Amino acid sequence: MEYEHYLKTELKLHQNTLVKYIQYFNRVLDYAVKYEWLEKNVLFGYKCPVKETKREYLNQ
């Protein structure tokens, strides 16, 4: 998908941030379909994998 490629290359976003951006955009498209501004959601059924992140905790 071009939008995903743009977010990765031009904005240099990491995978999980990219997934969030696409989820937000998908909500906007769903809203547009609901109010008949668009005929269909072009992202319907599109999935992006989320990477598990390893979190380090502070030690004293």
N, C-alpha and C. Protein backbone atom coordinates (compact mmCIF):
# COMPACT_ATOMS: atom_id res chain seq x y z
N MET A 1 0.84 -1.17 0.00
CA MET A 1 0.00 0.00 0.00
C MET A 1 0.89 1.24 0.00
N GLU A 2 0.53 2.23 -0.79
CA GLU A 2 1.36 3.42 -0.94
C GLU A 2 1.45 4.24 0.34
N TYR A 3 0.33 4.32 1.07
CA TYR A 3 0.33 5.11 2.31
C TYR A 3 1.30 4.51 3.33
N GLU A 4 1.29 3.20 3.44
CA GLU A 4 2.21 2.52 4.36
C GLU A 4 3.66 2.76 3.94
N HIS A 5 3.91 2.67 2.66
CA HIS A 5 5.26 2.91 2.14
C HIS A 5 5.70 4.35 2.42
N TYR A 6 4.80 5.29 2.23
CA TYR A 6 5.09 6.71 2.51
C TYR A 6 5.45 6.91 3.98
N LEU A 7 4.66 6.32 4.87
CA LEU A 7 4.92 6.48 6.30
C LEU A 7 6.27 5.88 6.70
N LYS A 8 6.62 4.76 6.09
CA LYS A 8 7.89 4.10 6.41
C LYS A 8 9.09 4.87 5.86
N THR A 9 9.00 5.32 4.62
CA THR A 9 10.17 5.90 3.96
C THR A 9 10.31 7.40 4.19
N GLU A 10 9.24 8.15 3.96
CA GLU A 10 9.33 9.60 4.07
C GLU A 10 9.31 10.08 5.52
N LEU A 11 8.43 9.54 6.32
CA LEU A 11 8.31 9.98 7.71
C LEU A 11 9.18 9.15 8.65
N LYS A 12 9.71 8.03 8.16
CA LYS A 12 10.60 7.15 8.92
C LYS A 12 9.97 6.69 10.24
N LEU A 13 8.74 6.23 10.16
CA LEU A 13 8.04 5.73 11.34
C LEU A 13 8.37 4.27 11.57
N HIS A 14 8.35 3.87 12.82
CA HIS A 14 8.55 2.47 13.17
C HIS A 14 7.24 1.71 13.00
N GLN A 15 7.32 0.40 13.03
CA GLN A 15 6.18 -0.46 12.69
C GLN A 15 4.95 -0.20 13.54
N ASN A 16 5.10 -0.14 14.85
CA ASN A 16 3.93 0.01 15.71
C ASN A 16 3.28 1.39 15.57
N THR A 17 4.08 2.42 15.34
CA THR A 17 3.55 3.75 15.10
C THR A 17 2.80 3.77 13.77
N LEU A 18 3.35 3.12 12.79
CA LEU A 18 2.72 3.01 11.48
C LEU A 18 1.36 2.31 11.58
N VAL A 19 1.28 1.27 12.38
CA VAL A 19 0.02 0.54 12.57
C VAL A 19 -1.02 1.46 13.18
N LYS A 20 -0.63 2.27 14.16
CA LYS A 20 -1.56 3.21 14.79
C LYS A 20 -2.07 4.24 13.79
N TYR A 21 -1.19 4.78 12.96
CA TYR A 21 -1.59 5.75 11.94
C TYR A 21 -2.62 5.14 10.99
N ILE A 22 -2.39 3.90 10.58
CA ILE A 22 -3.31 3.23 9.66
C ILE A 22 -4.64 2.95 10.35
N GLN A 23 -4.62 2.59 11.63
CA GLN A 23 -5.85 2.37 12.37
C GLN A 23 -6.68 3.65 12.46
N TYR A 24 -6.03 4.78 12.73
CA TYR A 24 -6.74 6.06 12.80
C TYR A 24 -7.33 6.43 11.44
N PHE A 25 -6.55 6.23 10.39
CA PHE A 25 -7.02 6.53 9.04
C PHE A 25 -8.20 5.64 8.66
N ASN A 26 -8.16 4.39 9.10
CA ASN A 26 -9.24 3.45 8.83
C ASN A 26 -10.54 3.92 9.50
N ARG A 27 -10.43 4.48 10.70
CA ARG A 27 -11.61 5.01 11.40
C ARG A 27 -12.22 6.18 10.62
N VAL A 28 -11.36 7.04 10.09
CA VAL A 28 -11.85 8.17 9.30
C VAL A 28 -12.58 7.67 8.06
N LEU A 29 -12.03 6.66 7.40
CA LEU A 29 -12.67 6.09 6.22
C LEU A 29 -14.00 5.43 6.58
N ASP A 30 -14.07 4.74 7.70
CA ASP A 30 -15.33 4.14 8.15
C ASP A 30 -16.39 5.21 8.39
N TYR A 31 -15.98 6.32 8.98
CA TYR A 31 -16.89 7.43 9.22
C TYR A 31 -17.41 8.00 7.90
N ALA A 32 -16.51 8.14 6.92
CA ALA A 32 -16.90 8.66 5.62
C ALA A 32 -17.88 7.73 4.91
N VAL A 33 -17.71 6.44 5.05
CA VAL A 33 -18.62 5.46 4.45
C VAL A 33 -19.97 5.53 5.16
N LYS A 34 -19.94 5.68 6.47
CA LYS A 34 -21.17 5.74 7.25
C LYS A 34 -22.06 6.91 6.81
N TYR A 35 -21.44 8.04 6.53
CA TYR A 35 -22.20 9.22 6.13
C TYR A 35 -22.27 9.39 4.61
N GLU A 36 -21.91 8.31 3.91
CA GLU A 36 -22.03 8.21 2.45
C GLU A 36 -21.20 9.26 1.70
N TRP A 37 -20.06 9.63 2.26
CA TRP A 37 -19.13 10.50 1.55
C TRP A 37 -18.24 9.66 0.63
N LEU A 38 -18.07 8.39 0.99
CA LEU A 38 -17.36 7.42 0.16
C LEU A 38 -18.25 6.21 -0.02
N GLU A 39 -18.04 5.49 -1.11
CA GLU A 39 -18.84 4.29 -1.36
C GLU A 39 -18.35 3.10 -0.55
N LYS A 40 -17.02 2.98 -0.39
CA LYS A 40 -16.49 1.87 0.38
C LYS A 40 -15.18 2.27 1.03
N ASN A 41 -14.80 1.53 2.05
CA ASN A 41 -13.55 1.75 2.75
C ASN A 41 -12.47 0.95 2.02
N VAL A 42 -11.49 1.65 1.47
CA VAL A 42 -10.44 0.97 0.71
C VAL A 42 -9.51 0.16 1.61
N LEU A 43 -9.53 0.42 2.91
CA LEU A 43 -8.69 -0.32 3.85
C LEU A 43 -9.43 -1.47 4.52
N PHE A 44 -10.64 -1.75 4.10
CA PHE A 44 -11.42 -2.82 4.73
C PHE A 44 -10.67 -4.15 4.61
N GLY A 45 -10.42 -4.79 5.73
CA GLY A 45 -9.73 -6.08 5.74
C GLY A 45 -8.22 -5.98 5.72
N TYR A 46 -7.67 -4.76 5.67
CA TYR A 46 -6.21 -4.59 5.64
C TYR A 46 -5.66 -4.77 7.04
N LYS A 47 -4.60 -5.56 7.18
CA LYS A 47 -3.98 -5.82 8.47
C LYS A 47 -2.49 -5.53 8.41
N CYS A 48 -1.99 -4.94 9.45
CA CYS A 48 -0.55 -4.71 9.62
C CYS A 48 -0.11 -5.44 10.87
N PRO A 49 0.99 -6.14 10.81
CA PRO A 49 1.45 -6.84 12.01
C PRO A 49 2.05 -5.88 13.04
N VAL A 50 1.75 -6.13 14.31
CA VAL A 50 2.31 -5.35 15.41
C VAL A 50 3.51 -6.10 15.96
N LYS A 51 4.61 -5.40 16.14
CA LYS A 51 5.81 -6.02 16.71
C LYS A 51 5.76 -5.94 18.22
N GLU A 52 6.11 -7.03 18.89
CA GLU A 52 6.24 -7.01 20.34
C GLU A 52 7.49 -6.21 20.69
N THR A 53 7.35 -5.29 21.62
CA THR A 53 8.50 -4.50 22.02
C THR A 53 9.02 -4.99 23.36
N LYS A 54 10.31 -4.98 23.50
CA LYS A 54 10.93 -5.38 24.76
C LYS A 54 11.15 -4.11 25.58
N ARG A 55 10.53 -4.05 26.71
CA ARG A 55 10.63 -2.88 27.58
C ARG A 55 11.63 -3.15 28.68
N GLU A 56 12.48 -2.20 28.89
CA GLU A 56 13.46 -2.31 29.96
C GLU A 56 12.98 -1.44 31.13
N TYR A 57 13.14 -1.97 32.33
CA TYR A 57 12.71 -1.26 33.52
C TYR A 57 13.92 -0.66 34.23
N LEU A 58 13.67 0.44 34.90
CA LEU A 58 14.73 1.08 35.66
C LEU A 58 15.03 0.28 36.92
N ASN A 59 16.31 0.13 37.22
CA ASN A 59 16.75 -0.55 38.43
C ASN A 59 17.47 0.44 39.32
N GLN A 60 17.31 0.29 40.62
CA GLN A 60 18.02 1.19 41.54
C GLN A 60 19.11 0.45 42.25
